[in-house]
Amino acid sequence: MSDRLREAAHRAGAAAGLETMDIHSGAAHDTMHVAGVTDASLLFAPSRDGVSHNPREWTDWDDCADATRVLAGAMAEVAGAE
């Protein structure tokens, strides 16, 4: 994943007062194909009990809002840098 986008997400999280971390995803997301032609990264919000890609998956609305703030901040930073 793009260091530039990953670092922008970390800065956006810090600006929002949120803890961020790098994690390894073994999932074959479409992002890995996009990364072949442009910068790409992934942003994950925590799911209850770590359950993902399953009908029991649930992310609290507050965590969705936090992830949206990080995404918006990172996008604004990268868009301003172009």
N, C-alpha and C. Protein backbone atom coordinates (compact mmCIF):
# COMPACT_ATOMS: atom_id res chain seq x y z
N MET A 1 0.82 -1.17 0.00
CA MET A 1 0.00 0.00 0.00
C MET A 1 0.88 1.24 0.00
N SER A 2 0.32 2.31 -0.47
CA SER A 2 1.05 3.57 -0.63
C SER A 2 1.46 4.16 0.72
N ASP A 3 2.75 4.41 0.88
CA ASP A 3 3.23 5.07 2.09
C ASP A 3 2.60 6.46 2.23
N ARG A 4 2.48 7.16 1.11
CA ARG A 4 1.92 8.52 1.13
C ARG A 4 0.50 8.52 1.68
N LEU A 5 -0.33 7.59 1.23
CA LEU A 5 -1.72 7.53 1.70
C LEU A 5 -1.81 7.01 3.13
N ARG A 6 -0.99 6.05 3.45
CA ARG A 6 -0.97 5.50 4.81
C ARG A 6 -0.57 6.57 5.81
N GLU A 7 0.46 7.33 5.47
CA GLU A 7 0.91 8.40 6.36
C GLU A 7 -0.13 9.51 6.48
N ALA A 8 -0.84 9.81 5.39
CA ALA A 8 -1.90 10.82 5.44
C ALA A 8 -3.02 10.35 6.37
N ALA A 9 -3.35 9.07 6.34
CA ALA A 9 -4.38 8.54 7.23
C ALA A 9 -3.94 8.63 8.69
N HIS A 10 -2.69 8.34 8.96
CA HIS A 10 -2.18 8.46 10.33
C HIS A 10 -2.26 9.91 10.82
N ARG A 11 -1.88 10.86 9.95
CA ARG A 11 -1.95 12.27 10.34
C ARG A 11 -3.39 12.70 10.57
N ALA A 12 -4.30 12.24 9.72
CA ALA A 12 -5.72 12.58 9.88
C ALA A 12 -6.27 12.00 11.17
N GLY A 13 -5.87 10.80 11.51
CA GLY A 13 -6.29 10.20 12.77
C GLY A 13 -5.78 11.00 13.96
N ALA A 14 -4.52 11.40 13.92
CA ALA A 14 -3.95 12.19 15.00
C ALA A 14 -4.68 13.52 15.13
N ALA A 15 -4.98 14.15 14.00
CA ALA A 15 -5.69 15.44 14.02
C ALA A 15 -7.09 15.29 14.61
N ALA A 16 -7.68 14.12 14.44
CA ALA A 16 -9.03 13.85 14.98
C ALA A 16 -8.97 13.32 16.41
N GLY A 17 -7.75 13.17 16.95
CA GLY A 17 -7.60 12.65 18.31
C GLY A 17 -7.86 11.16 18.41
N LEU A 18 -7.60 10.43 17.32
CA LEU A 18 -7.87 8.99 17.27
C LEU A 18 -6.57 8.21 17.16
N GLU A 19 -6.55 7.05 17.78
CA GLU A 19 -5.42 6.14 17.65
C GLU A 19 -5.51 5.43 16.32
N THR A 20 -4.41 5.35 15.61
CA THR A 20 -4.35 4.58 14.36
C THR A 20 -3.21 3.58 14.46
N MET A 21 -3.27 2.57 13.63
CA MET A 21 -2.20 1.57 13.61
C MET A 21 -2.14 0.92 12.23
N ASP A 22 -0.98 0.44 11.90
CA ASP A 22 -0.82 -0.33 10.68
C ASP A 22 -1.15 -1.78 11.00
N ILE A 23 -1.91 -2.40 10.13
CA ILE A 23 -2.20 -3.83 10.28
C ILE A 23 -1.98 -4.51 8.93
N HIS A 24 -1.68 -5.77 8.98
CA HIS A 24 -1.55 -6.56 7.76
C HIS A 24 -2.88 -7.21 7.46
N SER A 25 -3.36 -7.05 6.25
CA SER A 25 -4.59 -7.72 5.82
C SER A 25 -4.23 -8.77 4.78
N GLY A 26 -4.61 -9.99 5.05
CA GLY A 26 -4.38 -11.06 4.10
C GLY A 26 -5.49 -11.17 3.07
N ALA A 27 -6.49 -10.30 3.18
CA ALA A 27 -7.62 -10.35 2.26
C ALA A 27 -7.21 -9.85 0.88
N ALA A 28 -7.79 -10.41 -0.15
CA ALA A 28 -7.50 -10.00 -1.53
C ALA A 28 -8.51 -8.94 -1.97
N HIS A 29 -8.35 -7.73 -1.43
CA HIS A 29 -9.26 -6.64 -1.77
C HIS A 29 -8.94 -6.11 -3.17
N ASP A 30 -9.93 -5.46 -3.78
CA ASP A 30 -9.72 -4.84 -5.09
C ASP A 30 -8.57 -3.85 -5.06
N THR A 31 -8.27 -3.33 -3.88
CA THR A 31 -7.22 -2.33 -3.75
C THR A 31 -5.88 -2.83 -4.27
N MET A 32 -5.62 -4.11 -4.12
CA MET A 32 -4.33 -4.62 -4.60
C MET A 32 -4.23 -4.53 -6.12
N HIS A 33 -5.37 -4.55 -6.81
CA HIS A 33 -5.35 -4.39 -8.27
C HIS A 33 -5.21 -2.91 -8.64
N VAL A 34 -5.89 -2.04 -7.89
CA VAL A 34 -5.79 -0.60 -8.12
C VAL A 34 -4.35 -0.14 -7.89
N ALA A 35 -3.68 -0.73 -6.90
CA ALA A 35 -2.31 -0.33 -6.56
C ALA A 35 -1.34 -0.56 -7.71
N GLY A 36 -1.73 -1.37 -8.67
CA GLY A 36 -0.88 -1.60 -9.83
C GLY A 36 -0.83 -0.41 -10.79
N VAL A 37 -1.80 0.52 -10.64
CA VAL A 37 -1.86 1.65 -11.56
C VAL A 37 -1.84 3.02 -10.87
N THR A 38 -2.06 3.05 -9.55
CA THR A 38 -2.05 4.32 -8.82
C THR A 38 -1.84 4.05 -7.34
N ASP A 39 -1.64 5.10 -6.57
CA ASP A 39 -1.52 4.93 -5.12
C ASP A 39 -2.83 4.38 -4.56
N ALA A 40 -2.73 3.48 -3.62
CA ALA A 40 -3.91 2.88 -3.00
C ALA A 40 -3.58 2.52 -1.56
N SER A 41 -4.62 2.49 -0.74
CA SER A 41 -4.48 2.03 0.63
C SER A 41 -5.84 1.58 1.12
N LEU A 42 -5.86 1.01 2.30
CA LEU A 42 -7.10 0.54 2.92
C LEU A 42 -7.24 1.20 4.28
N LEU A 43 -8.48 1.44 4.68
CA LEU A 43 -8.79 1.97 5.99
C LEU A 43 -9.79 1.02 6.63
N PHE A 44 -9.46 0.51 7.79
CA PHE A 44 -10.35 -0.42 8.48
C PHE A 44 -10.91 0.22 9.73
N ALA A 45 -12.19 -0.01 9.98
CA ALA A 45 -12.82 0.36 11.24
C ALA A 45 -12.97 -0.92 12.04
N PRO A 46 -12.87 -0.85 13.36
CA PRO A 46 -12.96 -2.08 14.17
C PRO A 46 -14.35 -2.70 14.12
N SER A 47 -14.37 -4.02 14.03
CA SER A 47 -15.62 -4.77 14.09
C SER A 47 -15.73 -5.45 15.44
N ARG A 48 -16.94 -5.52 15.95
CA ARG A 48 -17.17 -6.15 17.26
C ARG A 48 -16.58 -7.56 17.26
N ASP A 49 -15.82 -7.84 18.28
CA ASP A 49 -15.18 -9.14 18.48
C ASP A 49 -14.26 -9.54 17.34
N GLY A 50 -13.86 -8.59 16.49
CA GLY A 50 -12.96 -8.88 15.39
C GLY A 50 -13.58 -9.67 14.26
N VAL A 51 -14.90 -9.84 14.28
CA VAL A 51 -15.59 -10.62 13.25
C VAL A 51 -15.70 -9.78 11.97
N SER A 52 -15.23 -10.33 10.87
CA SER A 52 -15.23 -9.62 9.59
C SER A 52 -15.64 -10.55 8.47
N HIS A 53 -16.27 -9.99 7.44
CA HIS A 53 -16.70 -10.76 6.28
C HIS A 53 -17.59 -11.93 6.70
N ASN A 54 -18.54 -11.61 7.54
CA ASN A 54 -19.41 -12.62 8.12
C ASN A 54 -20.73 -11.94 8.47
N PRO A 55 -21.87 -12.63 8.37
CA PRO A 55 -23.15 -12.00 8.72
C PRO A 55 -23.19 -11.43 10.14
N ARG A 56 -22.34 -11.93 11.04
CA ARG A 56 -22.31 -11.42 12.42
C ARG A 56 -21.46 -10.14 12.56
N GLU A 57 -20.83 -9.72 11.46
CA GLU A 57 -19.98 -8.52 11.53
C GLU A 57 -20.81 -7.31 11.92
N TRP A 58 -20.27 -6.50 12.85
CA TRP A 58 -20.92 -5.26 13.27
C TRP A 58 -19.85 -4.25 13.66
N THR A 59 -19.99 -3.06 13.13
CA THR A 59 -19.13 -1.95 13.53
C THR A 59 -20.02 -0.88 14.13
N ASP A 60 -19.71 -0.45 15.34
CA ASP A 60 -20.51 0.56 16.00
C ASP A 60 -20.52 1.85 15.18
N TRP A 61 -21.64 2.57 15.23
CA TRP A 61 -21.79 3.79 14.46
C TRP A 61 -20.73 4.83 14.81
N ASP A 62 -20.35 4.91 16.07
CA ASP A 62 -19.30 5.86 16.46
C ASP A 62 -17.98 5.52 15.77
N ASP A 63 -17.67 4.22 15.64
CA ASP A 63 -16.45 3.81 14.95
C ASP A 63 -16.55 4.10 13.45
N CYS A 64 -17.74 3.96 12.88
CA CYS A 64 -17.95 4.33 11.47
C CYS A 64 -17.70 5.82 11.27
N ALA A 65 -18.22 6.63 12.19
CA ALA A 65 -18.03 8.09 12.11
C ALA A 65 -16.55 8.44 12.25
N ASP A 66 -15.85 7.79 13.18
CA ASP A 66 -14.42 8.04 13.35
C ASP A 66 -13.65 7.69 12.07
N ALA A 67 -13.97 6.55 11.48
CA ALA A 67 -13.29 6.14 10.25
C ALA A 67 -13.57 7.14 9.13
N THR A 68 -14.79 7.66 9.09
CA THR A 68 -15.15 8.65 8.08
C THR A 68 -14.35 9.93 8.27
N ARG A 69 -14.14 10.35 9.52
CA ARG A 69 -13.33 11.53 9.79
C ARG A 69 -11.88 11.33 9.33
N VAL A 70 -11.36 10.14 9.59
CA VAL A 70 -9.99 9.85 9.15
C VAL A 70 -9.92 9.85 7.62
N LEU A 71 -10.86 9.20 6.98
CA LEU A 71 -10.87 9.15 5.51
C LEU A 71 -10.99 10.56 4.92
N ALA A 72 -11.92 11.35 5.44
CA ALA A 72 -12.11 12.71 4.92
C ALA A 72 -10.85 13.56 5.13
N GLY A 73 -10.23 13.45 6.29
CA GLY A 73 -9.02 14.21 6.55
C GLY A 73 -7.88 13.81 5.64
N ALA A 74 -7.72 12.52 5.44
CA ALA A 74 -6.65 12.03 4.57
C ALA A 74 -6.90 12.46 3.12
N MET A 75 -8.15 12.36 2.69
CA MET A 75 -8.48 12.76 1.32
C MET A 75 -8.23 14.26 1.12
N ALA A 76 -8.63 15.05 2.10
CA ALA A 76 -8.42 16.50 1.99
C ALA A 76 -6.93 16.83 1.91
N GLU A 77 -6.12 16.16 2.73
CA GLU A 77 -4.68 16.40 2.70
C GLU A 77 -4.10 16.03 1.36
N VAL A 78 -4.43 14.86 0.86
CA VAL A 78 -3.86 14.40 -0.41
C VAL A 78 -4.36 15.26 -1.56
N ALA A 79 -5.61 15.65 -1.54
CA ALA A 79 -6.15 16.50 -2.61
C ALA A 79 -5.47 17.87 -2.62
N GLY A 80 -5.15 18.38 -1.43
CA GLY A 80 -4.47 19.67 -1.34
C GLY A 80 -3.02 19.61 -1.76
N ALA A 81 -2.46 18.41 -1.75
CA ALA A 81 -1.05 18.24 -2.09
C ALA A 81 -0.83 18.07 -3.58
N GLU A 82 -1.91 17.87 -4.29
CA GLU A 82 -1.78 17.62 -5.75
C GLU A 82 -1.50 18.88 -6.52
